[in-house]
Amino acid sequence: MKLGEEMRALRGSHRYVIVFFLVLAIIMVSIALPPDDSGRGLLMIALTALTLVVAVWLSGTTAWTPRIAVGLVIFAAVAAACSWLIPGVKDEVGVATRLVVLSVVMVLPLVIGEGAYRAMKEEGVTLGVVFGAIANYLLIAVGFAVIYAITSDIETAPFFAGMEVMKFGYFPDFMYFSVVTQSTVGYGDFVPATGAGRAFASVQALVGQLYLVSVVAIVVGNFGQGTERQRKKQQQKMKELHKEVTQLEADQKDDKQDREDEKQ
């Protein structure tokens, strides 16, 4: 099978395991890259844009989401290029870049949710739907990391206790803090020092836990019903086919009997 045919086969397949690993890559890259890496922001923009494009393709949506996805990807690419290449505008475009990443992260759950809903209507809760729900859970962490970064850029006080005020502070710290907060691990190495930081952290912890015990729990609890539903549909089709064959045999028998009666 050629690459083009494989890509067409993936369209509308709802294989959100790919999106899950892309979102995981966004988190790992943003935390693992060194603070002096000038291409970290550009790479995160590229990964986020790629994740959105892949999610739209896997969802097979034909509505408004592709237009929004294309617009956000183009704007993100321009903003990242300006902040990375043009001297003197890095600080100004940096906030815009973070806003674009946040916008993409906000659109992604809608794309995945729409596709997963259609997949559940057609096939029930499949493995792809489960990975879609988990990918959205990870996206919550990415979104709040950007919110923390923007909050730190705007405020004059240090975001974390015991740290200096940093314009466009060390983003890996915000991503790390976001993941730790959402998973309720609570290492304590980073503590928000501002009221806004504590408020956002509280909201994230609540949203993350509520999402786990509601959406993810329901999806995982109903996992496998897609296979059962498909099996029942197949059985129904077999019954209908058997009924049609039986009716056809009866009609043929009646026709044969009619011809014999005519000969007599």
C-alpha atoms as a PDB file:
ATOM      1  CA  MET A   1       0.000   0.000   0.000  1.00  0.00           C
ATOM      2  CA  LYS A   2       1.380   3.417  -0.973  1.00  0.00           C
ATOM      3  CA  LEU A   3       1.840   6.248   1.502  1.00  0.00           C
ATOM      4  CA  GLY A   4      -1.021   8.236  -0.030  1.00  0.00           C
ATOM      5  CA  GLU A   5      -3.366   5.283   0.308  1.00  0.00           C
ATOM      6  CA  GLU A   6      -2.291   4.759   3.918  1.00  0.00           C
ATOM      7  CA  MET A   7      -2.978   8.423   4.692  1.00  0.00           C
ATOM      8  CA  ARG A   8      -6.422   8.210   3.098  1.00  0.00           C
ATOM      9  CA  ALA A   9      -7.118   5.061   5.106  1.00  0.00           C
ATOM     10  CA  LEU A  10      -6.307   6.935   8.323  1.00  0.00           C
ATOM     11  CA  ARG A  11      -8.799   9.711   7.567  1.00  0.00           C
ATOM     12  CA  GLY A  12     -11.808   9.267   9.815  1.00  0.00           C
ATOM     13  CA  SER A  13     -10.292   6.152  11.424  1.00  0.00           C
ATOM     14  CA  HIS A  14     -10.415   7.698  14.947  1.00  0.00           C
ATOM     15  CA  ARG A  15      -7.035   6.182  15.857  1.00  0.00           C
ATOM     16  CA  TYR A  16      -6.403   8.723  18.581  1.00  0.00           C
ATOM     17  CA  VAL A  17      -3.517   6.708  19.976  1.00  0.00           C
ATOM     18  CA  ILE A  18      -1.413   8.761  17.520  1.00  0.00           C
ATOM     19  CA  VAL A  19      -2.723  12.000  19.034  1.00  0.00           C
ATOM     20  CA  PHE A  20      -2.052  10.651  22.525  1.00  0.00           C
ATOM     21  CA  PHE A  21       1.634  10.074  21.786  1.00  0.00           C
ATOM     22  CA  LEU A  22       1.948  13.457  20.058  1.00  0.00           C
ATOM     23  CA  VAL A  23       0.539  15.242  23.121  1.00  0.00           C
ATOM     24  CA  LEU A  24       2.856  13.182  25.318  1.00  0.00           C
ATOM     25  CA  ALA A  25       5.745  14.301  23.097  1.00  0.00           C
ATOM     26  CA  ILE A  26       4.723  17.948  23.572  1.00  0.00           C
ATOM     27  CA  ILE A  27       4.899  17.516  27.347  1.00  0.00           C
ATOM     28  CA  MET A  28       8.192  15.623  27.292  1.00  0.00           C
ATOM     29  CA  VAL A  29       9.893  18.024  24.873  1.00  0.00           C
ATOM     30  CA  SER A  30       8.793  21.138  26.748  1.00  0.00           C
ATOM     31  CA  ILE A  31      10.116  19.730  30.042  1.00  0.00           C
ATOM     32  CA  ALA A  32      13.267  17.977  28.828  1.00  0.00           C
ATOM     33  CA  LEU A  33      14.834  20.597  26.545  1.00  0.00           C
ATOM     34  CA  PRO A  34      17.459  22.806  28.224  1.00  0.00           C
ATOM     35  CA  PRO A  35      16.464  26.371  29.153  1.00  0.00           C
ATOM     36  CA  ASP A  36      18.991  27.931  26.769  1.00  0.00           C
ATOM     37  CA  ASP A  37      17.603  26.086  23.744  1.00  0.00           C
ATOM     38  CA  SER A  38      16.307  28.850  21.468  1.00  0.00           C
ATOM     39  CA  GLY A  39      14.350  26.415  19.332  1.00  0.00           C
ATOM     40  CA  ARG A  40      12.279  24.988  22.185  1.00  0.00           C
ATOM     41  CA  GLY A  41       9.337  27.311  21.563  1.00  0.00           C
ATOM     42  CA  LEU A  42       9.443  26.750  17.821  1.00  0.00           C
ATOM     43  CA  LEU A  43       9.528  22.985  18.291  1.00  0.00           C
ATOM     44  CA  MET A  44       6.579  23.119  20.671  1.00  0.00           C
ATOM     45  CA  ILE A  45       4.633  25.230  18.173  1.00  0.00           C
ATOM     46  CA  ALA A  46       5.419  22.717  15.427  1.00  0.00           C
ATOM     47  CA  LEU A  47       4.398  19.734  17.567  1.00  0.00           C
ATOM     48  CA  THR A  48       1.181  21.440  18.648  1.00  0.00           C
ATOM     49  CA  ALA A  49       0.292  22.342  15.068  1.00  0.00           C
ATOM     50  CA  LEU A  50       1.085  18.812  13.886  1.00  0.00           C
ATOM     51  CA  THR A  51      -1.098  17.357  16.638  1.00  0.00           C
ATOM     52  CA  LEU A  52      -4.024  19.537  15.570  1.00  0.00           C
ATOM     53  CA  VAL A  53      -3.657  18.592  11.905  1.00  0.00           C
ATOM     54  CA  VAL A  54      -3.408  14.879  12.745  1.00  0.00           C
ATOM     55  CA  ALA A  55      -6.440  15.070  15.057  1.00  0.00           C
ATOM     56  CA  VAL A  56      -8.522  16.759  12.349  1.00  0.00           C
ATOM     57  CA  TRP A  57      -7.453  14.125   9.819  1.00  0.00           C
ATOM     58  CA  LEU A  58      -8.173  11.179  12.110  1.00  0.00           C
ATOM     59  CA  SER A  59     -11.565  12.632  13.057  1.00  0.00           C
ATOM     60  CA  GLY A  60     -12.519  12.917   9.399  1.00  0.00           C
ATOM     61  CA  THR A  61     -14.467  16.077  10.136  1.00  0.00           C
ATOM     62  CA  THR A  62     -15.700  18.187   7.247  1.00  0.00           C
ATOM     63  CA  ALA A  63     -17.277  21.025   9.235  1.00  0.00           C
ATOM     64  CA  TRP A  64     -15.729  24.210  10.658  1.00  0.00           C
ATOM     65  CA  THR A  65     -12.818  22.604  12.485  1.00  0.00           C
ATOM     66  CA  PRO A  66     -10.480  22.228   9.485  1.00  0.00           C
ATOM     67  CA  ARG A  67     -10.727  25.948   8.715  1.00  0.00           C
ATOM     68  CA  ILE A  68      -9.944  26.865  12.313  1.00  0.00           C
ATOM     69  CA  ALA A  69      -7.112  24.347  12.390  1.00  0.00           C
ATOM     70  CA  VAL A  70      -5.504  25.704   9.233  1.00  0.00           C
ATOM     71  CA  GLY A  71      -5.848  29.298  10.428  1.00  0.00           C
ATOM     72  CA  LEU A  72      -4.300  28.552  13.813  1.00  0.00           C
ATOM     73  CA  VAL A  73      -1.449  26.564  12.294  1.00  0.00           C
ATOM     74  CA  ILE A  74      -0.586  29.378   9.865  1.00  0.00           C
ATOM     75  CA  PHE A  75      -0.765  32.048  12.562  1.00  0.00           C
ATOM     76  CA  ALA A  76       1.284  29.902  14.935  1.00  0.00           C
ATOM     77  CA  ALA A  77       3.959  29.359  12.311  1.00  0.00           C
ATOM     78  CA  VAL A  78       4.195  33.094  11.538  1.00  0.00           C
ATOM     79  CA  ALA A  79       4.312  34.061  15.217  1.00  0.00           C
ATOM     80  CA  ALA A  80       6.959  31.465  15.992  1.00  0.00           C
ATOM     81  CA  ALA A  81       9.066  32.503  13.007  1.00  0.00           C
ATOM     82  CA  CYS A  82       8.894  36.167  14.028  1.00  0.00           C
ATOM     83  CA  SER A  83       9.805  35.462  17.653  1.00  0.00           C
ATOM     84  CA  TRP A  84      12.659  33.200  16.614  1.00  0.00           C
ATOM     85  CA  LEU A  85      14.152  35.056  13.651  1.00  0.00           C
ATOM     86  CA  ILE A  86      13.462  38.781  13.910  1.00  0.00           C
ATOM     87  CA  PRO A  87      15.578  40.667  16.482  1.00  0.00           C
ATOM     88  CA  GLY A  88      13.769  43.040  18.788  1.00  0.00           C
ATOM     89  CA  VAL A  89      10.301  41.499  18.602  1.00  0.00           C
ATOM     90  CA  LYS A  90      10.893  38.277  20.496  1.00  0.00           C
ATOM     91  CA  ASP A  91       9.299  39.447  23.738  1.00  0.00           C
ATOM     92  CA  GLU A  92       6.266  40.966  22.023  1.00  0.00           C
ATOM     93  CA  VAL A  93       5.541  37.946  19.846  1.00  0.00           C
ATOM     94  CA  GLY A  94       6.279  35.522  22.675  1.00  0.00           C
ATOM     95  CA  VAL A  95       2.961  36.229  24.396  1.00  0.00           C
ATOM     96  CA  ALA A  96       1.157  35.925  21.055  1.00  0.00           C
ATOM     97  CA  THR A  97       2.851  32.587  20.467  1.00  0.00           C
ATOM     98  CA  ARG A  98       1.720  31.312  23.844  1.00  0.00           C
ATOM     99  CA  LEU A  99      -1.803  32.521  23.147  1.00  0.00           C
ATOM    100  CA  VAL A 100      -1.779  30.650  19.842  1.00  0.00           C
ATOM    101  CA  VAL A 101      -0.603  27.457  21.548  1.00  0.00           C
ATOM    102  CA  LEU A 102      -3.362  27.899  24.117  1.00  0.00           C
ATOM    103  CA  SER A 103      -5.906  28.417  21.314  1.00  0.00           C
ATOM    104  CA  VAL A 104      -4.769  25.256  19.552  1.00  0.00           C
ATOM    105  CA  VAL A 105      -4.965  23.312  22.813  1.00  0.00           C
ATOM    106  CA  MET A 106      -8.513  24.612  23.313  1.00  0.00           C
ATOM    107  CA  VAL A 107      -9.582  23.558  19.806  1.00  0.00           C
ATOM    108  CA  LEU A 108      -8.016  20.091  19.992  1.00  0.00           C
ATOM    109  CA  PRO A 109     -10.452  18.654  22.585  1.00  0.00           C
ATOM    110  CA  LEU A 110     -13.369  19.839  20.434  1.00  0.00           C
ATOM    111  CA  VAL A 111     -11.933  18.080  17.386  1.00  0.00           C
ATOM    112  CA  ILE A 112     -11.234  14.879  19.311  1.00  0.00           C
ATOM    113  CA  GLY A 113     -14.574  15.041  21.116  1.00  0.00           C
ATOM    114  CA  GLU A 114     -16.518  15.468  17.891  1.00  0.00           C
ATOM    115  CA  GLY A 115     -14.725  12.562  16.238  1.00  0.00           C
ATOM    116  CA  ALA A 116     -15.005  10.331  19.296  1.00  0.00           C
ATOM    117  CA  TYR A 117     -18.741  11.039  19.555  1.00  0.00           C
ATOM    118  CA  ARG A 118     -19.297   9.983  15.955  1.00  0.00           C
ATOM    119  CA  ALA A 119     -17.123   6.923  16.499  1.00  0.00           C
ATOM    120  CA  MET A 120     -19.186   5.896  19.532  1.00  0.00           C
ATOM    121  CA  LYS A 121     -22.416   6.282  17.560  1.00  0.00           C
ATOM    122  CA  GLU A 122     -21.073   4.054  14.800  1.00  0.00           C
ATOM    123  CA  GLU A 123     -18.964   1.499  16.659  1.00  0.00           C
ATOM    124  CA  GLY A 124     -19.374   2.095  20.383  1.00  0.00           C
ATOM    125  CA  VAL A 125     -16.463   2.725  22.749  1.00  0.00           C
ATOM    126  CA  THR A 126     -13.364   1.500  20.948  1.00  0.00           C
ATOM    127  CA  LEU A 127      -9.685   1.672  21.872  1.00  0.00           C
ATOM    128  CA  GLY A 128      -9.361   4.801  19.741  1.00  0.00           C
ATOM    129  CA  VAL A 129     -12.079   6.544  21.767  1.00  0.00           C
ATOM    130  CA  VAL A 130     -10.312   5.603  25.019  1.00  0.00           C
ATOM    131  CA  PHE A 131      -7.029   7.089  23.806  1.00  0.00           C
ATOM    132  CA  GLY A 132      -8.906  10.177  22.645  1.00  0.00           C
ATOM    133  CA  ALA A 133     -10.282  10.706  26.145  1.00  0.00           C
ATOM    134  CA  ILE A 134      -6.827  10.260  27.684  1.00  0.00           C
ATOM    135  CA  ALA A 135      -5.284  12.624  25.125  1.00  0.00           C
ATOM    136  CA  ASN A 136      -7.786  15.287  26.151  1.00  0.00           C
ATOM    137  CA  TYR A 137      -6.763  14.740  29.774  1.00  0.00           C
ATOM    138  CA  LEU A 138      -3.136  15.446  28.860  1.00  0.00           C
ATOM    139  CA  LEU A 139      -4.209  18.506  26.882  1.00  0.00           C
ATOM    140  CA  ILE A 140      -5.647  19.981  30.075  1.00  0.00           C
ATOM    141  CA  ALA A 141      -2.131  19.934  31.533  1.00  0.00           C
ATOM    142  CA  VAL A 142      -0.652  21.568  28.427  1.00  0.00           C
ATOM    143  CA  GLY A 143      -3.310  24.270  28.439  1.00  0.00           C
ATOM    144  CA  PHE A 144      -2.793  25.158  32.094  1.00  0.00           C
ATOM    145  CA  ALA A 145       0.983  25.241  31.595  1.00  0.00           C
ATOM    146  CA  VAL A 146       0.492  27.969  28.992  1.00  0.00           C
ATOM    147  CA  ILE A 147      -1.926  29.785  31.324  1.00  0.00           C
ATOM    148  CA  TYR A 148       0.703  29.742  34.086  1.00  0.00           C
ATOM    149  CA  ALA A 149       3.327  31.072  31.682  1.00  0.00           C
ATOM    150  CA  ILE A 150       1.086  33.909  30.487  1.00  0.00           C
ATOM    151  CA  THR A 151       0.153  34.755  34.084  1.00  0.00           C
ATOM    152  CA  SER A 152       3.830  34.927  34.998  1.00  0.00           C
ATOM    153  CA  ASP A 153       4.516  37.202  32.017  1.00  0.00           C
ATOM    154  CA  ILE A 154       1.752  39.606  33.010  1.00  0.00           C
ATOM    155  CA  GLU A 155       2.292  39.793  36.769  1.00  0.00           C
ATOM    156  CA  THR A 156       5.077  41.810  38.394  1.00  0.00           C
ATOM    157  CA  ALA A 157       5.520  39.415  41.331  1.00  0.00           C
ATOM    158  CA  PRO A 158       7.304  36.045  41.006  1.00  0.00           C
ATOM    159  CA  PHE A 159       4.931  33.236  40.037  1.00  0.00           C
ATOM    160  CA  PHE A 160       6.729  30.647  42.190  1.00  0.00           C
ATOM    161  CA  ALA A 161       7.770  31.257  45.786  1.00  0.00           C
ATOM    162  CA  GLY A 162      11.495  31.799  46.252  1.00  0.00           C
ATOM    163  CA  MET A 163      12.157  32.651  42.605  1.00  0.00           C
ATOM    164  CA  GLU A 164      12.959  35.887  40.827  1.00  0.00           C
ATOM    165  CA  VAL A 165      10.614  37.650  38.440  1.00  0.00           C
ATOM    166  CA  MET A 166      11.371  36.430  34.924  1.00  0.00           C
ATOM    167  CA  LYS A 167       9.913  37.893  31.765  1.00  0.00           C
ATOM    168  CA  PHE A 168       8.981  34.833  29.721  1.00  0.00           C
ATOM    169  CA  GLY A 169      10.011  32.595  32.580  1.00  0.00           C
ATOM    170  CA  TYR A 170      11.385  29.104  32.232  1.00  0.00           C
ATOM    171  CA  PHE A 171       8.482  27.309  30.504  1.00  0.00           C
ATOM    172  CA  PRO A 172       9.602  23.748  31.427  1.00  0.00           C
ATOM    173  CA  ASP A 173       8.950  24.696  35.060  1.00  0.00           C
ATOM    174  CA  PHE A 174       5.367  25.641  34.225  1.00  0.00           C
ATOM    175  CA  MET A 175       4.777  22.417  32.279  1.00  0.00           C
ATOM    176  CA  TYR A 176       6.312  20.339  35.061  1.00  0.00           C
ATOM    177  CA  PHE A 177       4.256  22.151  37.699  1.00  0.00           C
ATOM    178  CA  SER A 178       1.098  21.691  35.620  1.00  0.00           C
ATOM    179  CA  VAL A 179       1.589  17.927  35.257  1.00  0.00           C
ATOM    180  CA  VAL A 180       2.406  17.513  38.960  1.00  0.00           C
ATOM    181  CA  THR A 181      -0.609  19.609  39.971  1.00  0.00           C
ATOM    182  CA  GLN A 182      -3.052  17.774  37.723  1.00  0.00           C
ATOM    183  CA  SER A 183      -1.832  14.356  38.836  1.00  0.00           C
ATOM    184  CA  THR A 184      -2.081  15.571  42.481  1.00  0.00           C
ATOM    185  CA  VAL A 185       1.407  14.222  43.202  1.00  0.00           C
ATOM    186  CA  GLY A 186       2.363  17.367  45.115  1.00  0.00           C
ATOM    187  CA  TYR A 187       6.167  17.172  45.236  1.00  0.00           C
ATOM    188  CA  GLY A 188       6.313  20.680  46.693  1.00  0.00           C
ATOM    189  CA  ASP A 189       9.415  21.817  44.794  1.00  0.00           C
ATOM    190  CA  PHE A 190       7.338  24.510  43.052  1.00  0.00           C
ATOM    191  CA  VAL A 191       4.706  26.483  44.961  1.00  0.00           C
ATOM    192  CA  PRO A 192       2.658  29.316  43.402  1.00  0.00           C
ATOM    193  CA  ALA A 193       3.238  32.565  45.248  1.00  0.00           C
ATOM    194  CA  THR A 194       0.513  34.729  43.699  1.00  0.00           C
ATOM    195  CA  GLY A 195      -3.233  34.641  44.157  1.00  0.00           C
ATOM    196  CA  ALA A 196      -3.818  34.060  40.455  1.00  0.00           C
ATOM    197  CA  GLY A 197      -1.335  31.191  40.420  1.00  0.00           C
ATOM    198  CA  ARG A 198      -2.971  29.488  43.392  1.00  0.00           C
ATOM    199  CA  ALA A 199      -6.429  30.000  41.871  1.00  0.00           C
ATOM    200  CA  PHE A 200      -5.462  28.465  38.533  1.00  0.00           C
ATOM    201  CA  ALA A 201      -3.697  25.566  40.274  1.00  0.00           C
ATOM    202  CA  SER A 202      -6.802  24.846  42.354  1.00  0.00           C
ATOM    203  CA  VAL A 203      -9.041  24.922  39.290  1.00  0.00           C
ATOM    204  CA  GLN A 204      -6.690  22.625  37.380  1.00  0.00           C
ATOM    205  CA  ALA A 205      -6.595  20.057  40.176  1.00  0.00           C
ATOM    206  CA  LEU A 206     -10.401  20.029  40.356  1.00  0.00           C
ATOM    207  CA  VAL A 207     -10.917  19.899  36.586  1.00  0.00           C
ATOM    208  CA  GLY A 208      -8.346  17.135  36.170  1.00  0.00           C
ATOM    209  CA  GLN A 209      -9.822  14.943  38.882  1.00  0.00           C
ATOM    210  CA  LEU A 210     -13.419  15.531  37.792  1.00  0.00           C
ATOM    211  CA  TYR A 211     -12.472  14.658  34.218  1.00  0.00           C
ATOM    212  CA  LEU A 212     -10.835  11.428  35.382  1.00  0.00           C
ATOM    213  CA  VAL A 213     -13.733  10.249  37.538  1.00  0.00           C
ATOM    214  CA  SER A 214     -16.380  11.236  34.989  1.00  0.00           C
ATOM    215  CA  VAL A 215     -15.329  11.209  31.336  1.00  0.00           C
ATOM    216  CA  VAL A 216     -12.402   8.790  31.466  1.00  0.00           C
ATOM    217  CA  ALA A 217     -14.144   6.481  33.950  1.00  0.00           C
ATOM    218  CA  ILE A 218     -17.306   6.307  31.831  1.00  0.00           C
ATOM    219  CA  VAL A 219     -15.375   5.744  28.608  1.00  0.00           C
ATOM    220  CA  VAL A 220     -13.158   3.030  30.089  1.00  0.00           C
ATOM    221  CA  GLY A 221     -16.156   1.441  31.823  1.00  0.00           C
ATOM    222  CA  ASN A 222     -17.944   1.096  28.498  1.00  0.00           C
ATOM    223  CA  PHE A 223     -14.863  -0.062  26.604  1.00  0.00           C
ATOM    224  CA  GLY A 224     -15.544  -3.138  24.524  1.00  0.00           C
ATOM    225  CA  GLN A 225     -19.187  -2.356  23.889  1.00  0.00           C
ATOM    226  CA  GLY A 226     -18.189  -1.367  20.390  1.00  0.00           C
ATOM    227  CA  THR A 227     -17.129  -4.938  19.667  1.00  0.00           C
ATOM    228  CA  GLU A 228     -20.342  -6.253  21.216  1.00  0.00           C
ATOM    229  CA  ARG A 229     -22.424  -3.809  19.192  1.00  0.00           C
ATOM    230  CA  GLN A 230     -20.637  -4.793  15.996  1.00  0.00           C
ATOM    231  CA  ARG A 231     -21.221  -8.459  16.813  1.00  0.00           C
ATOM    232  CA  LYS A 232     -24.948  -7.843  17.306  1.00  0.00           C
ATOM    233  CA  LYS A 233     -25.136  -5.894  14.054  1.00  0.00           C
ATOM    234  CA  GLN A 234     -23.373  -8.737  12.264  1.00  0.00           C
ATOM    235  CA  GLN A 235     -25.788 -11.244  13.771  1.00  0.00           C
ATOM    236  CA  GLN A 236     -28.736  -9.097  12.695  1.00  0.00           C
ATOM    237  CA  LYS A 237     -27.362  -8.884   9.160  1.00  0.00           C
ATOM    238  CA  MET A 238     -26.898 -12.660   9.086  1.00  0.00           C
ATOM    239  CA  LYS A 239     -30.487 -13.161  10.235  1.00  0.00           C
ATOM    240  CA  GLU A 240     -31.766 -10.801   7.558  1.00  0.00           C
ATOM    241  CA  LEU A 241     -29.626 -12.520   4.932  1.00  0.00           C
ATOM    242  CA  HIS A 242     -30.867 -15.939   6.050  1.00  0.00           C
ATOM    243  CA  LYS A 243     -34.443 -14.666   5.874  1.00  0.00           C
ATOM    244  CA  GLU A 244     -33.886 -13.352   2.350  1.00  0.00           C
ATOM    245  CA  VAL A 245     -32.314 -16.644   1.236  1.00  0.00           C
ATOM    246  CA  THR A 246     -35.189 -18.621   2.760  1.00  0.00           C
ATOM    247  CA  GLN A 247     -37.718 -16.377   1.039  1.00  0.00           C
ATOM    248  CA  LEU A 248     -35.860 -16.720  -2.265  1.00  0.00           C
ATOM    249  CA  GLU A 249     -35.822 -20.514  -1.967  1.00  0.00           C
ATOM    250  CA  ALA A 250     -39.543 -20.512  -1.177  1.00  0.00           C
ATOM    251  CA  ASP A 251     -40.257 -18.300  -4.195  1.00  0.00           C
ATOM    252  CA  GLN A 252     -38.205 -20.562  -6.439  1.00  0.00           C
ATOM    253  CA  LYS A 253     -40.049 -23.591  -5.094  1.00  0.00           C
ATOM    254  CA  ASP A 254     -43.398 -21.914  -5.751  1.00  0.00           C
ATOM    255  CA  ASP A 255     -42.326 -20.989  -9.283  1.00  0.00           C
ATOM    256  CA  LYS A 256     -41.239 -24.549  -9.947  1.00  0.00           C
ATOM    257  CA  GLN A 257     -44.535 -25.875  -8.632  1.00  0.00           C
ATOM    258  CA  ASP A 258     -46.457 -23.404 -10.802  1.00  0.00           C
ATOM    259  CA  ARG A 259     -44.574 -24.528 -13.916  1.00  0.00           C
ATOM    260  CA  GLU A 260     -45.273 -28.180 -13.131  1.00  0.00           C
ATOM    261  CA  ASP A 261     -48.950 -27.395 -12.633  1.00  0.00           C
ATOM    262  CA  GLU A 262     -49.057 -25.596 -15.985  1.00  0.00           C
ATOM    263  CA  LYS A 263     -47.520 -28.609 -17.750  1.00  0.00           C
ATOM    264  CA  GLN A 264     -50.138 -30.878 -16.272  1.00  0.00           C
END
